[in-house]
């Protein structure tokens, strides 16, 4: 990241440094790029968490349906539609 502000004159490695002076716009561009990459990573993490949530809900519903269908043989539910009407679905 460019050296700006109090550290603009502090170039301890002049041998490897460039002769170009850093400006505030360089500093702002560098931080803008960092913020964009951070926002992108946050969005990817959010999408992943949403996918896991969806998988969890679907698995829970399938498990509930399986249990209710197996109980229906014992309790005498008339159809899978009747079973699903008793399942509480939260989305």
PDB file of N, CA and C in Angstrom:
ATOM      1  N   UNK A   1       0.845  -1.168   0.000  1.00  0.00           N
ATOM      2  CA  UNK A   1       0.000   0.000   0.000  1.00  0.00           C
ATOM      3  C   UNK A   1       0.894   1.235   0.000  1.00  0.00           C
ATOM      4  N   UNK A   2       0.517   2.269  -0.698  1.00  0.00           N
ATOM      5  CA  UNK A   2       1.375   3.463  -0.777  1.00  0.00           C
ATOM      6  C   UNK A   2       1.582   4.111   0.583  1.00  0.00           C
ATOM      7  N   UNK A   3       2.733   4.730   0.720  1.00  0.00           N
ATOM      8  CA  UNK A   3       3.016   5.461   1.946  1.00  0.00           C
ATOM      9  C   UNK A   3       2.490   6.879   1.791  1.00  0.00           C
ATOM     10  N   UNK A   4       1.555   7.246   2.664  1.00  0.00           N
ATOM     11  CA  UNK A   4       0.928   8.564   2.585  1.00  0.00           C
ATOM     12  C   UNK A   4       0.845   9.136   3.987  1.00  0.00           C
ATOM     13  N   UNK A   5       0.777  10.424   4.088  1.00  0.00           N
ATOM     14  CA  UNK A   5       0.621  11.053   5.392  1.00  0.00           C
ATOM     15  C   UNK A   5       1.951  11.214   6.077  1.00  0.00           C
ATOM     16  N   UNK A   6       2.011  10.878   7.360  1.00  0.00           N
ATOM     17  CA  UNK A   6       3.236  11.054   8.134  1.00  0.00           C
ATOM     18  C   UNK A   6       4.379  10.182   7.632  1.00  0.00           C
ATOM     19  N   UNK A   7       4.048   9.101   6.926  1.00  0.00           N
ATOM     20  CA  UNK A   7       5.076   8.150   6.527  1.00  0.00           C
ATOM     21  C   UNK A   7       5.505   8.331   5.075  1.00  0.00           C
ATOM     22  N   UNK A   8       5.062   9.387   4.425  1.00  0.00           N
ATOM     23  CA  UNK A   8       5.368   9.536   2.998  1.00  0.00           C
ATOM     24  C   UNK A   8       6.856   9.742   2.754  1.00  0.00           C
ATOM     25  N   UNK A   9       7.551  10.372   3.698  1.00  0.00           N
ATOM     26  CA  UNK A   9       8.992  10.580   3.521  1.00  0.00           C
ATOM     27  C   UNK A   9       9.808   9.391   4.034  1.00  0.00           C
ATOM     28  N   UNK A  10       9.185   8.484   4.752  1.00  0.00           N
ATOM     29  CA  UNK A  10       9.922   7.393   5.379  1.00  0.00           C
ATOM     30  C   UNK A  10      10.047   6.211   4.425  1.00  0.00           C
ATOM     31  N   UNK A  11      10.956   6.307   3.514  1.00  0.00           N
ATOM     32  CA  UNK A  11      11.220   5.201   2.614  1.00  0.00           C
ATOM     33  C   UNK A  11      12.563   4.606   3.019  1.00  0.00           C
ATOM     34  N   UNK A  12      12.527   3.554   3.836  1.00  0.00           N
ATOM     35  CA  UNK A  12      13.738   2.987   4.397  1.00  0.00           C
ATOM     36  C   UNK A  12      14.501   2.142   3.379  1.00  0.00           C
ATOM     37  N   UNK A  13      13.856   1.789   2.281  1.00  0.00           N
ATOM     38  CA  UNK A  13      14.481   0.935   1.281  1.00  0.00           C
ATOM     39  C   UNK A  13      14.571   1.684  -0.042  1.00  0.00           C
ATOM     40  N   UNK A  14      15.298   2.758  -0.060  1.00  0.00           N
ATOM     41  CA  UNK A  14      15.415   3.575  -1.269  1.00  0.00           C
ATOM     42  C   UNK A  14      16.044   2.798  -2.423  1.00  0.00           C
ATOM     43  N   UNK A  15      16.860   1.834  -2.097  1.00  0.00           N
ATOM     44  CA  UNK A  15      17.509   1.055  -3.137  1.00  0.00           C
ATOM     45  C   UNK A  15      16.487   0.297  -3.995  1.00  0.00           C
ATOM     46  N   UNK A  16      15.422  -0.188  -3.344  1.00  0.00           N
ATOM     47  CA  UNK A  16      14.415  -0.971  -4.051  1.00  0.00           C
ATOM     48  C   UNK A  16      13.157  -0.162  -4.360  1.00  0.00           C
ATOM     49  N   UNK A  17      13.049   1.018  -3.829  1.00  0.00           N
ATOM     50  CA  UNK A  17      11.846   1.829  -4.026  1.00  0.00           C
ATOM     51  C   UNK A  17      11.833   2.529  -5.370  1.00  0.00           C
ATOM     52  N   UNK A  18      10.679   3.036  -5.723  1.00  0.00           N
ATOM     53  CA  UNK A  18      10.579   3.774  -6.978  1.00  0.00           C
ATOM     54  C   UNK A  18      10.754   5.264  -6.695  1.00  0.00           C
ATOM     55  N   UNK A  19      11.006   6.026  -7.727  1.00  0.00           N
ATOM     56  CA  UNK A  19      11.157   7.471  -7.580  1.00  0.00           C
ATOM     57  C   UNK A  19       9.821   8.192  -7.597  1.00  0.00           C
ATOM     58  N   UNK A  20       8.752   7.457  -7.873  1.00  0.00           N
ATOM     59  CA  UNK A  20       7.431   8.070  -7.943  1.00  0.00           C
ATOM     60  C   UNK A  20       6.929   8.389  -6.546  1.00  0.00           C
ATOM     61  N   UNK A  21       6.364   9.589  -6.398  1.00  0.00           N
ATOM     62  CA  UNK A  21       5.828   9.990  -5.102  1.00  0.00           C
ATOM     63  C   UNK A  21       4.412   9.431  -4.927  1.00  0.00           C
ATOM     64  N   UNK A  22       4.125   8.931  -3.739  1.00  0.00           N
ATOM     65  CA  UNK A  22       2.785   8.445  -3.434  1.00  0.00           C
ATOM     66  C   UNK A  22       1.872   9.628  -3.153  1.00  0.00           C
ATOM     67  N   UNK A  23       0.619   9.473  -3.546  1.00  0.00           N
ATOM     68  CA  UNK A  23      -0.363  10.538  -3.322  1.00  0.00           C
ATOM     69  C   UNK A  23      -1.542   9.975  -2.549  1.00  0.00           C
ATOM     70  N   UNK A  24      -2.424  10.882  -2.124  1.00  0.00           N
ATOM     71  CA  UNK A  24      -3.618  10.446  -1.411  1.00  0.00           C
ATOM     72  C   UNK A  24      -4.522   9.621  -2.298  1.00  0.00           C
ATOM     73  N   UNK A  25      -4.545   9.910  -3.598  1.00  0.00           N
ATOM     74  CA  UNK A  25      -5.384   9.114  -4.491  1.00  0.00           C
ATOM     75  C   UNK A  25      -4.873   7.672  -4.572  1.00  0.00           C
ATOM     76  N   UNK A  26      -3.560   7.484  -4.529  1.00  0.00           N
ATOM     77  CA  UNK A  26      -3.009   6.128  -4.495  1.00  0.00           C
ATOM     78  C   UNK A  26      -3.467   5.394  -3.235  1.00  0.00           C
ATOM     79  N   UNK A  27      -3.395   6.101  -2.125  1.00  0.00           N
ATOM     80  CA  UNK A  27      -3.820   5.546  -0.847  1.00  0.00           C
ATOM     81  C   UNK A  27      -5.301   5.171  -0.887  1.00  0.00           C
ATOM     82  N   UNK A  28      -6.136   6.079  -1.407  1.00  0.00           N
ATOM     83  CA  UNK A  28      -7.573   5.821  -1.479  1.00  0.00           C
ATOM     84  C   UNK A  28      -7.894   4.674  -2.428  1.00  0.00           C
ATOM     85  N   UNK A  29      -7.172   4.588  -3.543  1.00  0.00           N
ATOM     86  CA  UNK A  29      -7.394   3.478  -4.479  1.00  0.00           C
ATOM     87  C   UNK A  29      -7.036   2.148  -3.844  1.00  0.00           C
ATOM     88  N   UNK A  30      -5.940   2.127  -3.100  1.00  0.00           N
ATOM     89  CA  UNK A  30      -5.517   0.888  -2.450  1.00  0.00           C
ATOM     90  C   UNK A  30      -6.554   0.429  -1.431  1.00  0.00           C
ATOM     91  N   UNK A  31      -7.068   1.358  -0.629  1.00  0.00           N
ATOM     92  CA  UNK A  31      -8.078   0.986   0.360  1.00  0.00           C
ATOM     93  C   UNK A  31      -9.395   0.631  -0.309  1.00  0.00           C
ATOM     94  N   UNK A  32      -9.718   1.293  -1.403  1.00  0.00           N
ATOM     95  CA  UNK A  32     -10.941   0.965  -2.133  1.00  0.00           C
ATOM     96  C   UNK A  32     -10.882  -0.468  -2.650  1.00  0.00           C
ATOM     97  N   UNK A  33      -9.724  -0.858  -3.177  1.00  0.00           N
ATOM     98  CA  UNK A  33      -9.551  -2.221  -3.672  1.00  0.00           C
ATOM     99  C   UNK A  33      -9.682  -3.226  -2.532  1.00  0.00           C
ATOM    100  N   UNK A  34      -9.122  -2.870  -1.387  1.00  0.00           N
ATOM    101  CA  UNK A  34      -9.197  -3.767  -0.232  1.00  0.00           C
ATOM    102  C   UNK A  34     -10.639  -3.905   0.265  1.00  0.00           C
ATOM    103  N   UNK A  35     -11.375  -2.787   0.292  1.00  0.00           N
ATOM    104  CA  UNK A  35     -12.780  -2.840   0.709  1.00  0.00           C
ATOM    105  C   UNK A  35     -13.615  -3.669  -0.259  1.00  0.00           C
ATOM    106  N   UNK A  36     -13.354  -3.530  -1.558  1.00  0.00           N
ATOM    107  CA  UNK A  36     -14.098  -4.304  -2.544  1.00  0.00           C
ATOM    108  C   UNK A  36     -13.862  -5.799  -2.371  1.00  0.00           C
ATOM    109  N   UNK A  37     -12.612  -6.187  -2.166  1.00  0.00           N
ATOM    110  CA  UNK A  37     -12.321  -7.611  -1.986  1.00  0.00           C
ATOM    111  C   UNK A  37     -12.946  -8.132  -0.695  1.00  0.00           C
ATOM    112  N   UNK A  38     -12.955  -7.306   0.335  1.00  0.00           N
ATOM    113  CA  UNK A  38     -13.585  -7.706   1.592  1.00  0.00           C
ATOM    114  C   UNK A  38     -15.088  -7.869   1.423  1.00  0.00           C
ATOM    115  N   UNK A  39     -15.719  -6.949   0.707  1.00  0.00           N
ATOM    116  CA  UNK A  39     -17.161  -7.048   0.457  1.00  0.00           C
ATOM    117  C   UNK A  39     -17.483  -8.286  -0.366  1.00  0.00           C
ATOM    118  N   UNK A  40     -16.638  -8.600  -1.325  1.00  0.00           N
ATOM    119  CA  UNK A  40     -16.853  -9.784  -2.153  1.00  0.00           C
ATOM    120  C   UNK A  40     -16.731 -11.065  -1.315  1.00  0.00           C
ATOM    121  N   UNK A  41     -15.745 -11.113  -0.442  1.00  0.00           N
ATOM    122  CA  UNK A  41     -15.584 -12.290   0.416  1.00  0.00           C
ATOM    123  C   UNK A  41     -16.759 -12.420   1.376  1.00  0.00           C
ATOM    124  N   UNK A  42     -17.237 -11.302   1.885  1.00  0.00           N
ATOM    125  CA  UNK A  42     -18.394 -11.322   2.777  1.00  0.00           C
ATOM    126  C   UNK A  42     -19.629 -11.841   2.046  1.00  0.00           C
ATOM    127  N   UNK A  43     -19.814 -11.412   0.803  1.00  0.00           N
ATOM    128  CA  UNK A  43     -20.951 -11.875   0.005  1.00  0.00           C
ATOM    129  C   UNK A  43     -20.857 -13.373  -0.257  1.00  0.00           C
ATOM    130  N   UNK A  44     -19.658 -13.859  -0.561  1.00  0.00           N
ATOM    131  CA  UNK A  44     -19.474 -15.297  -0.793  1.00  0.00           C
ATOM    132  C   UNK A  44     -19.775 -16.096   0.470  1.00  0.00           C
ATOM    133  N   UNK A  45     -19.333 -15.593   1.610  1.00  0.00           N
ATOM    134  CA  UNK A  45     -19.606 -16.267   2.875  1.00  0.00           C
ATOM    135  C   UNK A  45     -21.099 -16.270   3.181  1.00  0.00           C
ATOM    136  N   UNK A  46     -21.762 -15.153   2.893  1.00  0.00           N
ATOM    137  CA  UNK A  46     -23.204 -15.070   3.102  1.00  0.00           C
ATOM    138  C   UNK A  46     -23.943 -16.065   2.215  1.00  0.00           C
ATOM    139  N   UNK A  47     -23.522 -16.170   0.951  1.00  0.00           N
ATOM    140  CA  UNK A  47     -24.145 -17.135   0.040  1.00  0.00           C
ATOM    141  C   UNK A  47     -23.946 -18.570   0.530  1.00  0.00           C
ATOM    142  N   UNK A  48     -22.754 -18.855   1.030  1.00  0.00           N
ATOM    143  CA  UNK A  48     -22.475 -20.188   1.546  1.00  0.00           C
ATOM    144  C   UNK A  48     -23.338 -20.496   2.766  1.00  0.00           C
ATOM    145  N   UNK A  49     -23.468 -19.534   3.664  1.00  0.00           N
ATOM    146  CA  UNK A  49     -24.303 -19.717   4.851  1.00  0.00           C
ATOM    147  C   UNK A  49     -25.769 -19.912   4.446  1.00  0.00           C
ATOM    148  N   UNK A  50     -26.224 -19.175   3.435  1.00  0.00           N
ATOM    149  CA  UNK A  50     -27.595 -19.325   2.954  1.00  0.00           C
ATOM    150  C   UNK A  50     -27.806 -20.718   2.364  1.00  0.00           C
ATOM    151  N   UNK A  51     -26.825 -21.215   1.632  1.00  0.00           N
ATOM    152  CA  UNK A  51     -26.921 -22.552   1.048  1.00  0.00           C
ATOM    153  C   UNK A  51     -27.007 -23.609   2.137  1.00  0.00           C
ATOM    154  N   UNK A  52     -26.170 -23.474   3.159  1.00  0.00           N
ATOM    155  CA  UNK A  52     -26.226 -24.430   4.264  1.00  0.00           C
ATOM    156  C   UNK A  52     -27.565 -24.358   4.986  1.00  0.00           C
ATOM    157  N   UNK A  53     -28.097 -23.168   5.141  1.00  0.00           N
ATOM    158  CA  UNK A  53     -29.413 -23.017   5.770  1.00  0.00           C
ATOM    159  C   UNK A  53     -30.502 -23.699   4.966  1.00  0.00           C
ATOM    160  N   UNK A  54     -30.456 -23.533   3.647  1.00  0.00           N
ATOM    161  CA  UNK A  54     -31.441 -24.170   2.778  1.00  0.00           C
ATOM    162  C   UNK A  54     -31.334 -25.691   2.852  1.00  0.00           C
ATOM    163  N   UNK A  55     -30.096 -26.191   2.830  1.00  0.00           N
ATOM    164  CA  UNK A  55     -29.894 -27.643   2.941  1.00  0.00           C
ATOM    165  C   UNK A  55     -30.431 -28.152   4.265  1.00  0.00           C
ATOM    166  N   UNK A  56     -30.196 -27.413   5.330  1.00  0.00           N
ATOM    167  CA  UNK A  56     -30.661 -27.811   6.660  1.00  0.00           C
ATOM    168  C   UNK A  56     -32.184 -27.881   6.703  1.00  0.00           C
ATOM    169  N   UNK A  57     -32.851 -26.866   6.128  1.00  0.00           N
ATOM    170  CA  UNK A  57     -34.319 -26.850   6.124  1.00  0.00           C
ATOM    171  C   UNK A  57     -34.858 -28.025   5.317  1.00  0.00           C
ATOM    172  N   UNK A  58     -34.277 -28.264   4.137  1.00  0.00           N
ATOM    173  CA  UNK A  58     -34.748 -29.363   3.294  1.00  0.00           C
ATOM    174  C   UNK A  58     -34.528 -30.714   3.964  1.00  0.00           C
ATOM    175  N   UNK A  59     -33.396 -30.876   4.611  1.00  0.00           N
ATOM    176  CA  UNK A  59     -33.124 -32.136   5.304  1.00  0.00           C
ATOM    177  C   UNK A  59     -34.087 -32.325   6.466  1.00  0.00           C
ATOM    178  N   UNK A  60     -34.351 -31.266   7.174  1.00  0.00           N
ATOM    179  CA  UNK A  60     -35.291 -31.341   8.294  1.00  0.00           C
ATOM    180  C   UNK A  60     -36.691 -31.696   7.810  1.00  0.00           C
ATOM    181  N   UNK A  61     -37.112 -31.077   6.711  1.00  0.00           N
ATOM    182  CA  UNK A  61     -38.433 -31.383   6.168  1.00  0.00           C
ATOM    183  C   UNK A  61     -38.507 -32.822   5.682  1.00  0.00           C
ATOM    184  N   UNK A  62     -37.449 -33.284   5.013  1.00  0.00           N
ATOM    185  CA  UNK A  62     -37.439 -34.664   4.534  1.00  0.00           C
ATOM    186  C   UNK A  62     -37.466 -35.644   5.699  1.00  0.00           C
ATOM    187  N   UNK A  63     -36.718 -35.336   6.753  1.00  0.00           N
ATOM    188  CA  UNK A  63     -36.707 -36.197   7.933  1.00  0.00           C
ATOM    189  C   UNK A  63     -38.084 -36.226   8.588  1.00  0.00           C
ATOM    190  N   UNK A  64     -38.708 -35.069   8.698  1.00  0.00           N
ATOM    191  CA  UNK A  64     -40.046 -35.003   9.298  1.00  0.00           C
ATOM    192  C   UNK A  64     -41.049 -35.782   8.460  1.00  0.00           C
ATOM    193  N   UNK A  65     -40.963 -35.632   7.152  1.00  0.00           N
ATOM    194  CA  UNK A  65     -41.862 -36.368   6.263  1.00  0.00           C
ATOM    195  C   UNK A  65     -41.656 -37.866   6.416  1.00  0.00           C
ATOM    196  N   UNK A  66     -40.391 -38.284   6.476  1.00  0.00           N
ATOM    197  CA  UNK A  66     -40.089 -39.706   6.633  1.00  0.00           C
ATOM    198  C   UNK A  66     -40.674 -40.251   7.938  1.00  0.00           C
ATOM    199  N   UNK A  67     -40.472 -39.507   8.998  1.00  0.00           N
ATOM    200  CA  UNK A  67     -40.995 -39.943  10.306  1.00  0.00           C
ATOM    201  C   UNK A  67     -42.516 -39.981  10.285  1.00  0.00           C
ATOM    202  N   UNK A  68     -43.121 -38.933   9.712  1.00  0.00           N
ATOM    203  CA  UNK A  68     -44.589 -38.875   9.685  1.00  0.00           C
ATOM    204  C   UNK A  68     -45.166 -39.993   8.810  1.00  0.00           C
ATOM    205  N   UNK A  69     -44.499 -40.306   7.711  1.00  0.00           N
ATOM    206  CA  UNK A  69     -44.997 -41.387   6.859  1.00  0.00           C
ATOM    207  C   UNK A  69     -44.885 -42.735   7.555  1.00  0.00           C
ATOM    208  N   UNK A  70     -43.782 -42.913   8.301  1.00  0.00           N
ATOM    209  CA  UNK A  70     -43.642 -44.173   9.026  1.00  0.00           C
ATOM    210  C   UNK A  70     -44.643 -44.260  10.162  1.00  0.00           C
ATOM    211  N   UNK A  71     -44.947 -43.143  10.783  1.00  0.00           N
ATOM    212  CA  UNK A  71     -45.953 -43.145  11.837  1.00  0.00           C
ATOM    213  C   UNK A  71     -47.345 -43.305  11.253  1.00  0.00           C
ATOM    214  N   UNK A  72     -47.510 -42.887   9.998  1.00  0.00           N
ATOM    215  CA  UNK A  72     -48.835 -42.969   9.399  1.00  0.00           C
ATOM    216  C   UNK A  72     -49.272 -44.412   9.243  1.00  0.00           C
ATOM    217  N   UNK A  73     -48.314 -45.319   9.069  1.00  0.00           N
ATOM    218  CA  UNK A  73     -48.670 -46.733   8.990  1.00  0.00           C
ATOM    219  C   UNK A  73     -49.245 -47.218  10.319  1.00  0.00           C
ATOM    220  N   UNK A  74     -48.732 -46.631  11.385  1.00  0.00           N
ATOM    221  CA  UNK A  74     -49.222 -47.017  12.708  1.00  0.00           C
ATOM    222  C   UNK A  74     -50.472 -46.232  13.096  1.00  0.00           C
ATOM    223  N   UNK A  75     -50.475 -44.937  12.798  1.00  0.00           N
ATOM    224  CA  UNK A  75     -51.570 -44.073  13.236  1.00  0.00           C
ATOM    225  C   UNK A  75     -52.701 -43.967  12.222  1.00  0.00           C
ATOM    226  N   UNK A  76     -52.441 -44.350  10.984  1.00  0.00           N
ATOM    227  CA  UNK A  76     -53.499 -44.364  10.012  1.00  0.00           C
ATOM    228  C   UNK A  76     -53.764 -43.047   9.319  1.00  0.00           C
ATOM    229  N   UNK A  77     -52.722 -42.242   9.041  1.00  0.00           N
ATOM    230  CA  UNK A  77     -52.951 -41.067   8.200  1.00  0.00           C
ATOM    231  C   UNK A  77     -53.373 -41.534   6.813  1.00  0.00           C
ATOM    232  N   UNK A  78     -54.243 -40.811   6.180  1.00  0.00           N
ATOM    233  CA  UNK A  78     -54.821 -41.293   4.933  1.00  0.00           C
ATOM    234  C   UNK A  78     -53.896 -41.130   3.730  1.00  0.00           C
ATOM    235  N   UNK A  79     -53.050 -40.086   3.693  1.00  0.00           N
ATOM    236  CA  UNK A  79     -52.217 -39.855   2.516  1.00  0.00           C
ATOM    237  C   UNK A  79     -51.011 -38.992   2.883  1.00  0.00           C
ATOM    238  N   UNK A  80     -50.025 -38.929   1.974  1.00  0.00           N
ATOM    239  CA  UNK A  80     -48.896 -38.019   2.220  1.00  0.00           C
ATOM    240  C   UNK A  80     -49.322 -36.558   2.321  1.00  0.00           C
ATOM    241  N   UNK A  81     -50.397 -36.198   1.661  1.00  0.00           N
ATOM    242  CA  UNK A  81     -50.901 -34.824   1.764  1.00  0.00           C
ATOM    243  C   UNK A  81     -51.362 -34.540   3.187  1.00  0.00           C
ATOM    244  N   UNK A  82     -52.001 -35.497   3.788  1.00  0.00           N
ATOM    245  CA  UNK A  82     -52.428 -35.335   5.173  1.00  0.00           C
ATOM    246  C   UNK A  82     -51.221 -35.244   6.094  1.00  0.00           C
ATOM    247  N   UNK A  83     -50.173 -35.982   5.766  1.00  0.00           N
ATOM    248  CA  UNK A  83     -48.951 -35.924   6.559  1.00  0.00           C
ATOM    249  C   UNK A  83     -48.342 -34.537   6.465  1.00  0.00           C
ATOM    250  N   UNK A  84     -48.216 -34.014   5.211  1.00  0.00           N
ATOM    251  CA  UNK A  84     -47.602 -32.703   5.022  1.00  0.00           C
ATOM    252  C   UNK A  84     -48.431 -31.581   5.636  1.00  0.00           C
ATOM    253  N   UNK A  85     -49.735 -31.784   5.740  1.00  0.00           N
ATOM    254  CA  UNK A  85     -50.552 -30.735   6.356  1.00  0.00           C
ATOM    255  C   UNK A  85     -50.255 -30.604   7.843  1.00  0.00           C
ATOM    256  N   UNK A  86     -49.634 -31.614   8.421  1.00  0.00           N
ATOM    257  CA  UNK A  86     -49.303 -31.578   9.847  1.00  0.00           C
ATOM    258  C   UNK A  86     -47.866 -31.136  10.102  1.00  0.00           C
ATOM    259  N   UNK A  87     -47.100 -30.917   9.015  1.00  0.00           N
ATOM    260  CA  UNK A  87     -45.718 -30.487   9.154  1.00  0.00           C
ATOM    261  C   UNK A  87     -45.665 -28.976   9.191  1.00  0.00           C
ATOM    262  N   UNK A  88     -45.019 -28.440  10.211  1.00  0.00           N
ATOM    263  CA  UNK A  88     -44.880 -26.994  10.333  1.00  0.00           C
ATOM    264  C   UNK A  88     -43.656 -26.559   9.533  1.00  0.00           C
ATOM    265  N   UNK A  89     -43.863 -25.816   8.461  1.00  0.00           N
ATOM    266  CA  UNK A  89     -42.786 -25.394   7.566  1.00  0.00           C
ATOM    267  C   UNK A  89     -42.463 -23.938   7.842  1.00  0.00           C
ATOM    268  N   UNK A  90     -41.225 -23.671   8.288  1.00  0.00           N
ATOM    269  CA  UNK A  90     -40.777 -22.306   8.522  1.00  0.00           C
ATOM    270  C   UNK A  90     -39.732 -21.956   7.481  1.00  0.00           C
ATOM    271  N   UNK A  91     -39.986 -20.905   6.733  1.00  0.00           N
ATOM    272  CA  UNK A  91     -39.034 -20.493   5.697  1.00  0.00           C
ATOM    273  C   UNK A  91     -38.564 -19.101   6.003  1.00  0.00           C
TER     274      UNK A  91
END
